[in-house]
Amino acid sequence: MFLSENNISAFWSQCRKRANEFAREIIAWRREFHKYPELGFEERVTSRKIQEILKRLKIPFQVFGGTGVVACLTGRKPGLIVGLRADMDALPIQEATGLPFASCKPGCMHACGHDGHMATALGVAAILAEERDYLSGGIKLIFQPAEEKPPGGAQEVIRAGALDDVQKLVGFHYFSHIPAGKYWIGEGPVMAATDRFTIEVLGKGGHGSTPHLTADPILCASFMVTQINTIVSRQIDPQKSAVVSLGSVRGGDAFNIIPDRVNISGTVRTFEESVRKRVVISLKKICQAASALGCSAHLNFEEYCPATVNNVSLSKKILAISRKILGDTFLIRFHPIMGGEDFAFLAERVPACYIFVGVGKDCGNHHSSTFRLNESVLTPTAGYLACLLAALT
C-alpha cells in the first residue's frame, strides 16, 4: 500500500504506533549523544554511534567529510527522493544542568538540541525501515557535522554530492520559544543571514598623563561603538529587519598607557541583500570618520551564511500535509528569527523547508549552560516527520 492523500490519516496512526515502540530507544540515543558531546568536525564517537544504529536497522549509509553520515531508505517503486537533515555538533560550553546524563566532556555540551535532532532522525529511520511498503522513491537521512562552526558542515554535504539526487529537503529544529508540541512551518525567509565583522582602530599610543601627545584609539573606538549602535535605528528602513551587535572591544594592557590599537568585533543579521549591503556601507562610513580623531579604522566584513529561505511552494504543501497529520491545533503562526543556520546553503541548492518544533520555554535559553531539552517532544516528532517524509515521496 503506497501513501496517498486518502490514507495519510491511517499511516499517521501507524507512525505514532511505531514511534511509541521505539520511544525508549529514541530517548536513550538522545541521552548517549548528550553525555558524549563533540565539537564541529570532531564528531567521531557520535558518527560511529549513528553508523552502529543504522547497521542494526539494516539501512545502508555512507560517511562524508570525516564524520558526516548519509543513510538511504529506498521505497518499493520509483518516486521522489526526499532528504531530512539533522545536525550533529555540540558547543564549547561547560554544562551546568546537573542531569544524570550530563556531558562527561569538560567545556563541551549539547546546548542547542542537536542531540535531540540526531535521535529524532534515527527514530524516523527506525519507523520507515518498518514501513517501507508505504514509500515510493526514497528517503535520504543526512547527519551533518559542524553546523555551529564556520565555515559549516553544509558545504561538506554539498561537496559530497549528498544532495545531487534529492528533489525536496526538510530540516527541523527544536525551539524553546514555541510551546511544546507545536510546529511552525514558515514560508520564505525564516532565519537571518549571519555575518561577522572586525574593525581595527589604529592610533598613536603614549603615557596617560600626556594624552595631547597621542591619537587615542580607545576614545575613537568608543565613538565608533556609539555610532555602530545607531545603524539600525537611523540607517535602515523601519519596515525592514536588521540586527547589528557588538561582541567584543579589546585594547590596552595597563591603566596608565594609551594603546596603539583597539579591536572591535560584532555580528550582523539581515533577511534582505539590500539591507545587508546598507549595513556594510554604514560601517565603512563610520570607519572613515576615525580620521577626525587622528586615527584610522579598517573594516573586515565576512559574509558567512545567507538567510534561510523556505521554498514557498514546498512549504505550502508541507503545511497542507501537516494539517492532515496533526490538525490545526498543533500548527501555529510564528515569525522569522534573527538566528542563522548553514541549512541556508542547502536550501539554495534544492527546494527546502525548515520546520521549528516547540519544546517550551522551560527548556531555557539555547546556547546556555542550563539548557534542558524537553524529551517528551522527541517521539511524537519522529512519528510526524516519518509520516510527512513518506507523504512527500
Protein backbone atom coordinates (compact mmCIF):
# COMPACT_ATOMS: atom_id res chain seq x y z
CA MET A 1 0.00 0.00 0.00
CA PHE A 2 1.57 3.28 -1.11
CA LEU A 3 0.84 6.52 0.67
CA SER A 4 -1.68 8.93 -0.86
CA GLU A 5 -3.74 11.85 0.39
CA ASN A 6 -6.58 9.42 1.11
CA ASN A 7 -4.67 7.26 3.56
CA ILE A 8 -2.39 9.80 5.33
CA SER A 9 -4.51 9.61 8.49
CA ALA A 10 -4.22 5.84 8.60
CA PHE A 11 -0.47 5.99 8.05
CA TRP A 12 -0.13 8.67 10.74
CA SER A 13 -1.74 6.27 13.21
CA GLN A 14 0.74 3.61 12.16
CA CYS A 15 3.68 6.03 12.51
CA ARG A 16 2.57 7.02 16.00
CA LYS A 17 2.33 3.36 16.95
CA ARG A 18 5.82 2.67 15.59
CA ALA A 19 7.22 5.79 17.26
CA ASN A 20 5.90 4.66 20.62
CA GLU A 21 7.50 1.26 20.07
CA PHE A 22 10.86 3.00 19.61
CA ALA A 23 10.29 5.65 22.30
CA ARG A 24 12.71 4.22 24.86
CA GLU A 25 15.43 3.84 22.24
CA ILE A 26 14.95 7.38 20.93
CA ILE A 27 15.34 8.78 24.45
CA ALA A 28 18.34 6.52 25.14
CA TRP A 29 20.01 7.62 21.90
CA ARG A 30 19.49 11.26 22.79
CA ARG A 31 20.95 10.79 26.27
CA GLU A 32 24.01 9.00 24.96
CA PHE A 33 24.64 11.75 22.40
CA HIS A 34 24.20 14.29 25.19
CA LYS A 35 26.62 12.53 27.53
CA TYR A 36 29.36 12.35 24.90
CA PRO A 37 29.22 15.68 23.01
CA GLU A 38 31.72 16.64 20.33
CA LEU A 39 32.52 19.92 18.60
CA GLY A 40 32.20 20.57 14.87
CA PHE A 41 34.24 18.28 12.59
CA GLU A 42 35.27 16.28 15.68
CA GLU A 43 32.11 14.14 15.95
CA ARG A 44 33.91 10.79 15.67
CA VAL A 45 32.23 8.97 18.57
CA THR A 46 28.88 10.46 17.57
CA SER A 47 29.34 9.33 13.96
CA ARG A 48 30.26 5.79 14.99
CA LYS A 49 27.13 5.59 17.17
CA ILE A 50 24.92 6.71 14.29
CA GLN A 51 26.55 4.16 12.00
CA GLU A 52 26.06 1.43 14.59
CA ILE A 53 22.33 2.17 14.87
CA LEU A 54 21.87 2.31 11.10
CA LYS A 55 23.59 -1.06 10.74
CA ARG A 56 21.24 -2.52 13.34
CA LEU A 57 18.29 -1.10 11.38
CA LYS A 58 19.77 -2.58 8.18
CA ILE A 59 19.82 0.81 6.45
CA PRO A 60 22.75 1.40 4.05
CA PHE A 61 24.84 4.52 4.60
CA GLN A 62 27.98 6.36 3.56
CA VAL A 63 30.37 8.56 5.53
CA PHE A 64 31.37 12.01 4.24
CA GLY A 65 33.52 14.87 5.48
CA GLY A 66 35.18 12.63 8.05
CA THR A 67 32.22 12.41 10.44
CA GLY A 68 29.05 13.07 8.42
CA VAL A 69 26.70 10.20 7.59
CA VAL A 70 24.16 9.81 4.77
CA ALA A 71 21.66 6.96 5.00
CA CYS A 72 19.25 5.90 2.26
CA LEU A 73 15.87 4.20 2.61
CA THR A 74 14.61 3.03 -0.78
CA GLY A 75 10.90 2.78 -1.50
CA ARG A 76 9.08 -0.02 -3.29
CA LYS A 77 8.58 1.89 -6.55
CA PRO A 78 10.13 4.87 -8.37
CA GLY A 79 9.39 8.31 -6.97
CA LEU A 80 10.94 11.41 -5.48
CA ILE A 81 13.97 11.40 -3.21
CA VAL A 82 13.24 13.45 -0.09
CA GLY A 83 16.03 14.45 2.31
CA LEU A 84 15.95 15.02 6.05
CA ARG A 85 18.88 16.84 7.61
CA ALA A 86 19.94 16.57 11.26
CA ASP A 87 22.96 18.40 12.70
CA MET A 88 25.46 16.62 14.96
CA ASP A 89 27.79 19.01 16.76
CA ALA A 90 27.84 20.38 20.29
CA LEU A 91 29.03 23.72 21.67
CA PRO A 92 32.08 24.84 23.69
CA ILE A 93 30.04 25.35 26.89
CA GLN A 94 30.52 23.91 30.36
CA GLU A 95 27.28 22.15 31.28
CA ALA A 96 25.52 23.17 34.50
CA THR A 97 22.24 21.21 34.30
CA GLY A 98 23.04 18.56 36.90
CA LEU A 99 21.38 15.92 34.73
CA PRO A 100 22.38 12.29 35.43
CA PHE A 101 23.44 12.02 31.78
CA ALA A 102 25.16 15.42 31.67
CA SER A 103 28.20 15.91 29.47
CA CYS A 104 31.24 14.00 30.64
CA LYS A 105 33.49 16.17 28.48
CA PRO A 106 34.66 19.37 30.22
CA GLY A 107 33.82 22.53 28.32
CA CYS A 108 31.60 20.81 25.76
CA MET A 109 27.81 20.47 25.81
CA HIS A 110 24.80 19.84 23.60
CA ALA A 111 23.21 23.19 24.47
CA CYS A 112 21.11 23.66 21.35
CA GLY A 113 19.24 20.40 20.85
CA HIS A 114 21.36 18.69 18.20
CA ASP A 115 21.42 15.56 20.36
CA GLY A 116 17.65 15.51 20.04
CA HIS A 117 17.81 16.15 16.31
CA MET A 118 20.01 13.10 15.75
CA ALA A 119 17.89 10.87 17.99
CA THR A 120 14.71 12.01 16.24
CA ALA A 121 16.16 11.41 12.77
CA LEU A 122 17.22 7.93 13.84
CA GLY A 123 13.68 7.43 15.12
CA VAL A 124 12.39 8.40 11.67
CA ALA A 125 14.79 5.87 10.16
CA ALA A 126 13.58 3.14 12.52
CA ILE A 127 9.91 3.86 11.77
CA LEU A 128 10.29 3.99 7.99
CA ALA A 129 12.50 0.90 7.94
CA GLU A 130 9.44 -0.94 9.28
CA GLU A 131 7.04 0.81 6.89
CA ARG A 132 8.83 0.62 3.54
CA ASP A 133 5.66 -0.55 1.81
CA TYR A 134 4.30 2.98 2.12
CA LEU A 135 7.34 4.52 0.43
CA SER A 136 7.75 5.37 -3.20
CA GLY A 137 11.02 6.94 -4.23
CA GLY A 138 13.24 7.16 -1.18
CA ILE A 139 14.27 8.95 1.98
CA LYS A 140 17.80 10.28 2.45
CA LEU A 141 18.82 10.96 6.05
CA ILE A 142 21.69 13.44 6.25
CA PHE A 143 23.57 13.65 9.55
CA GLN A 144 25.60 16.82 9.13
CA PRO A 145 28.68 17.81 11.14
CA ALA A 146 29.67 21.30 12.26
CA GLU A 147 26.50 23.37 11.98
CA GLU A 148 27.81 25.60 14.76
CA LYS A 149 31.34 26.04 13.43
CA PRO A 150 32.11 28.25 10.41
CA PRO A 151 32.53 27.57 7.55
CA GLY A 152 29.97 24.91 8.48
CA GLY A 153 29.32 21.32 7.56
CA ALA A 154 26.64 22.13 4.99
CA GLN A 155 29.42 22.77 2.49
CA GLU A 156 30.67 19.22 3.15
CA VAL A 157 27.18 17.89 2.39
CA ILE A 158 27.26 19.70 -0.95
CA ARG A 159 30.81 18.65 -1.79
CA ALA A 160 29.98 15.02 -1.04
CA GLY A 161 27.14 15.13 -3.58
CA ALA A 162 24.60 14.16 -0.93
CA LEU A 163 22.00 16.50 -2.47
CA ASP A 164 22.59 15.57 -6.09
CA ASP A 165 19.57 13.25 -6.31
CA VAL A 166 17.40 15.00 -3.69
CA GLN A 167 14.27 16.74 -5.03
CA LYS A 168 12.95 18.03 -1.70
CA LEU A 169 14.72 18.71 1.58
CA VAL A 170 13.37 19.07 5.11
CA GLY A 171 15.22 20.46 8.12
CA PHE A 172 13.95 20.94 11.66
CA HIS A 173 14.99 22.48 14.95
CA TYR A 174 13.71 22.11 18.49
CA PHE A 175 12.92 25.64 19.66
CA SER A 176 12.22 26.83 23.18
CA HIS A 177 10.35 29.98 22.13
CA ILE A 178 7.49 27.89 20.75
CA PRO A 179 5.14 25.96 23.08
CA ALA A 180 5.97 22.28 23.48
CA GLY A 181 4.47 20.06 20.81
CA LYS A 182 3.58 22.93 18.46
CA TYR A 183 5.02 23.35 14.97
CA TRP A 184 5.78 26.42 12.87
CA ILE A 185 6.12 25.98 9.12
CA GLY A 186 7.09 29.34 7.64
CA GLU A 187 7.10 30.48 4.02
CA GLY A 188 10.02 32.47 2.62
CA PRO A 189 12.77 33.73 4.97
CA VAL A 190 12.68 32.01 8.38
CA MET A 191 16.23 32.73 9.65
CA ALA A 192 18.61 35.60 9.04
CA ALA A 193 21.86 35.86 7.16
CA THR A 194 24.74 35.51 9.62
CA ASP A 195 27.76 37.77 9.09
CA ARG A 196 30.77 38.77 11.14
CA PHE A 197 32.83 41.94 11.14
CA THR A 198 36.00 43.16 12.79
CA ILE A 199 37.36 46.71 12.93
CA GLU A 200 40.96 47.52 13.77
CA VAL A 201 41.33 51.05 15.13
CA LEU A 202 44.89 52.37 14.85
CA GLY A 203 46.11 55.41 16.75
CA LYS A 204 49.25 56.66 18.45
CA GLY A 205 49.90 55.41 21.95
CA GLY A 206 51.58 57.15 24.83
CA HIS A 207 51.51 57.91 28.53
CA GLY A 208 48.15 58.51 30.14
CA SER A 209 49.45 61.72 31.69
CA THR A 210 50.07 63.29 28.26
CA PRO A 211 47.02 62.44 26.15
CA HIS A 212 47.62 65.51 23.98
CA LEU A 213 50.66 63.76 22.53
CA THR A 214 48.66 60.73 21.44
CA ALA A 215 45.91 59.80 18.99
CA ASP A 216 43.74 57.83 21.40
CA PRO A 217 42.23 54.70 19.74
CA ILE A 218 40.16 53.96 22.85
CA LEU A 219 38.39 57.32 22.53
CA CYS A 220 37.97 56.72 18.80
CA ALA A 221 36.65 53.18 19.33
CA SER A 222 34.19 54.48 21.93
CA PHE A 223 32.85 56.99 19.43
CA MET A 224 32.58 54.24 16.81
CA VAL A 225 30.71 51.92 19.20
CA THR A 226 28.04 54.56 19.78
CA GLN A 227 27.72 55.19 16.04
CA ILE A 228 27.52 51.47 15.18
CA ASN A 229 24.60 51.19 17.57
CA THR A 230 22.69 53.81 15.56
CA ILE A 231 22.94 51.96 12.23
CA VAL A 232 19.68 50.05 12.63
CA SER A 233 17.74 52.95 14.17
CA ARG A 234 18.97 55.64 11.77
CA GLN A 235 20.23 53.98 8.57
CA ILE A 236 17.81 51.08 7.99
CA ASP A 237 14.22 51.41 6.80
CA PRO A 238 11.98 50.82 9.86
CA GLN A 239 9.92 48.41 7.74
CA LYS A 240 13.00 46.19 7.31
CA SER A 241 14.68 43.89 9.82
CA ALA A 242 18.31 44.03 10.89
CA VAL A 243 20.48 43.43 13.94
CA VAL A 244 23.98 44.82 14.48
CA SER A 245 25.50 43.61 17.75
CA LEU A 246 28.99 44.08 19.17
CA GLY A 247 30.61 41.10 20.85
CA SER A 248 34.00 42.46 21.89
CA VAL A 249 36.00 45.64 22.25
CA ARG A 250 39.63 45.00 23.17
CA GLY A 251 42.56 47.32 23.63
CA GLY A 252 45.20 48.28 26.12
CA ASP A 253 47.04 46.41 28.87
CA ALA A 254 47.78 48.99 31.56
CA PHE A 255 45.79 51.63 33.44
CA ASN A 256 48.16 54.48 32.59
CA ILE A 257 49.09 53.72 28.99
CA ILE A 258 47.09 54.79 25.96
CA PRO A 259 47.46 51.89 23.47
CA ASP A 260 48.27 51.99 19.77
CA ARG A 261 45.24 49.97 18.70
CA VAL A 262 41.79 48.71 19.66
CA ASN A 263 39.90 45.83 18.05
CA ILE A 264 36.12 45.74 17.72
CA SER A 265 34.11 42.70 16.58
CA GLY A 266 30.44 42.02 16.05
CA THR A 267 27.73 40.30 14.09
CA VAL A 268 25.17 41.45 11.53
CA ARG A 269 21.83 39.69 10.92
CA THR A 270 19.61 40.55 7.95
CA PHE A 271 16.99 38.95 5.71
CA GLU A 272 17.46 41.01 2.54
CA GLU A 273 20.62 41.54 0.50
CA SER A 274 19.89 45.26 0.10
CA VAL A 275 19.77 45.68 3.88
CA ARG A 276 22.98 43.69 4.29
CA LYS A 277 24.75 46.00 1.81
CA ARG A 278 23.38 49.07 3.55
CA VAL A 279 24.85 47.94 6.87
CA VAL A 280 28.26 47.42 5.24
CA ILE A 281 28.17 50.92 3.72
CA SER A 282 27.32 52.39 7.12
CA LEU A 283 30.18 50.53 8.81
CA LYS A 284 32.61 51.82 6.19
CA LYS A 285 31.46 55.42 6.71
CA ILE A 286 31.92 55.10 10.47
CA CYS A 287 35.45 53.81 9.88
CA GLN A 288 36.21 56.79 7.66
CA ALA A 289 35.14 59.12 10.48
CA ALA A 290 38.01 57.83 12.63
CA SER A 291 40.30 60.29 10.87
CA ALA A 292 38.52 63.16 12.66
CA LEU A 293 40.06 61.84 15.88
CA GLY A 294 43.50 61.36 14.41
CA CYS A 295 43.10 57.61 13.99
CA SER A 296 42.43 55.18 11.16
CA ALA A 297 39.99 52.25 11.16
CA HIS A 298 40.00 49.19 8.91
CA LEU A 299 36.85 47.08 8.38
CA ASN A 300 36.88 43.36 7.62
CA PHE A 301 33.36 42.13 6.83
CA GLU A 302 32.85 38.37 6.43
CA GLU A 303 29.67 37.10 4.82
CA TYR A 304 29.28 33.69 6.41
CA CYS A 305 25.79 32.35 5.87
CA PRO A 306 22.86 33.60 3.76
CA ALA A 307 19.31 33.83 5.05
CA THR A 308 17.47 30.53 5.39
CA VAL A 309 14.59 30.73 2.92
CA ASN A 310 11.80 28.18 2.85
CA ASN A 311 10.62 27.35 -0.66
CA VAL A 312 7.09 28.80 -0.72
CA SER A 313 5.52 26.07 -2.86
CA LEU A 314 7.06 23.24 -0.84
CA SER A 315 6.21 24.92 2.47
CA LYS A 316 2.57 25.30 1.44
CA LYS A 317 2.47 21.61 0.54
CA ILE A 318 4.10 20.58 3.81
CA LEU A 319 1.66 22.77 5.74
CA ALA A 320 -1.29 21.13 3.95
CA ILE A 321 0.05 17.64 4.66
CA SER A 322 0.77 18.59 8.27
CA ARG A 323 -2.83 19.70 8.71
CA LYS A 324 -3.92 16.21 7.64
CA ILE A 325 -1.42 14.64 10.04
CA LEU A 326 -1.63 16.90 13.10
CA GLY A 327 -4.71 19.06 12.65
CA ASP A 328 -4.72 22.83 13.06
CA THR A 329 -4.34 22.67 16.85
CA PHE A 330 -0.64 21.79 16.68
CA LEU A 331 0.26 24.26 13.93
CA ILE A 332 0.96 27.85 14.94
CA ARG A 333 1.98 31.14 13.38
CA PHE A 334 5.34 32.50 14.38
CA HIS A 335 7.87 34.92 12.91
CA PRO A 336 11.31 34.74 11.29
CA ILE A 337 14.15 34.75 13.80
CA MET A 338 17.50 36.51 13.73
CA GLY A 339 19.40 33.32 14.44
CA GLY A 340 21.27 31.83 11.49
CA GLU A 341 21.73 28.32 10.11
CA ASP A 342 24.02 26.84 7.48
CA PHE A 343 20.99 24.86 6.29
CA ALA A 344 20.64 28.02 4.19
CA PHE A 345 23.36 26.74 1.84
CA LEU A 346 21.42 23.52 1.30
CA ALA A 347 18.19 25.44 0.71
CA GLU A 348 19.92 27.33 -2.10
CA ARG A 349 20.57 24.01 -3.89
CA VAL A 350 17.19 22.25 -3.67
CA PRO A 351 13.63 23.24 -2.68
CA ALA A 352 13.71 23.09 1.11
CA CYS A 353 11.59 23.70 4.18
CA TYR A 354 12.92 24.25 7.71
CA ILE A 355 10.42 23.39 10.44
CA PHE A 356 10.51 24.74 14.00
CA VAL A 357 9.32 22.31 16.67
CA GLY A 358 8.35 23.75 20.03
CA VAL A 359 9.88 22.38 23.21
CA GLY A 360 8.67 25.15 25.52
CA LYS A 361 10.29 27.94 27.49
CA ASP A 362 11.03 25.68 30.47
CA CYS A 363 13.97 24.31 28.47
CA GLY A 364 15.76 27.61 28.99
CA ASN A 365 17.83 29.56 26.50
CA HIS A 366 19.57 27.84 23.64
CA HIS A 367 23.38 28.04 23.84
CA SER A 368 23.26 28.35 27.63
CA SER A 369 24.89 26.08 30.21
CA THR A 370 21.49 25.21 31.72
CA PHE A 371 19.60 24.34 28.53
CA ARG A 372 17.48 21.20 29.05
CA LEU A 373 15.76 19.66 26.04
CA ASN A 374 12.16 18.58 26.59
CA GLU A 375 12.40 14.87 25.77
CA SER A 376 8.63 14.36 25.63
CA VAL A 377 8.58 16.00 22.21
CA LEU A 378 11.12 13.66 20.55
CA THR A 379 8.96 10.59 19.97
CA PRO A 380 5.88 12.32 18.52
CA THR A 381 8.13 14.44 16.31
CA ALA A 382 9.80 11.31 14.94
CA GLY A 383 6.38 9.92 14.08
CA TYR A 384 5.26 13.18 12.48
CA LEU A 385 8.39 13.53 10.35
CA ALA A 386 8.22 9.91 9.25
CA CYS A 387 4.66 10.40 8.03
CA LEU A 388 5.48 13.74 6.41
CA LEU A 389 8.53 12.46 4.51
CA ALA A 390 6.64 9.44 3.23
CA ALA A 391 3.83 11.71 2.02
CA LEU A 392 6.35 13.86 0.13
CA THR A 393 7.89 10.98 -1.85
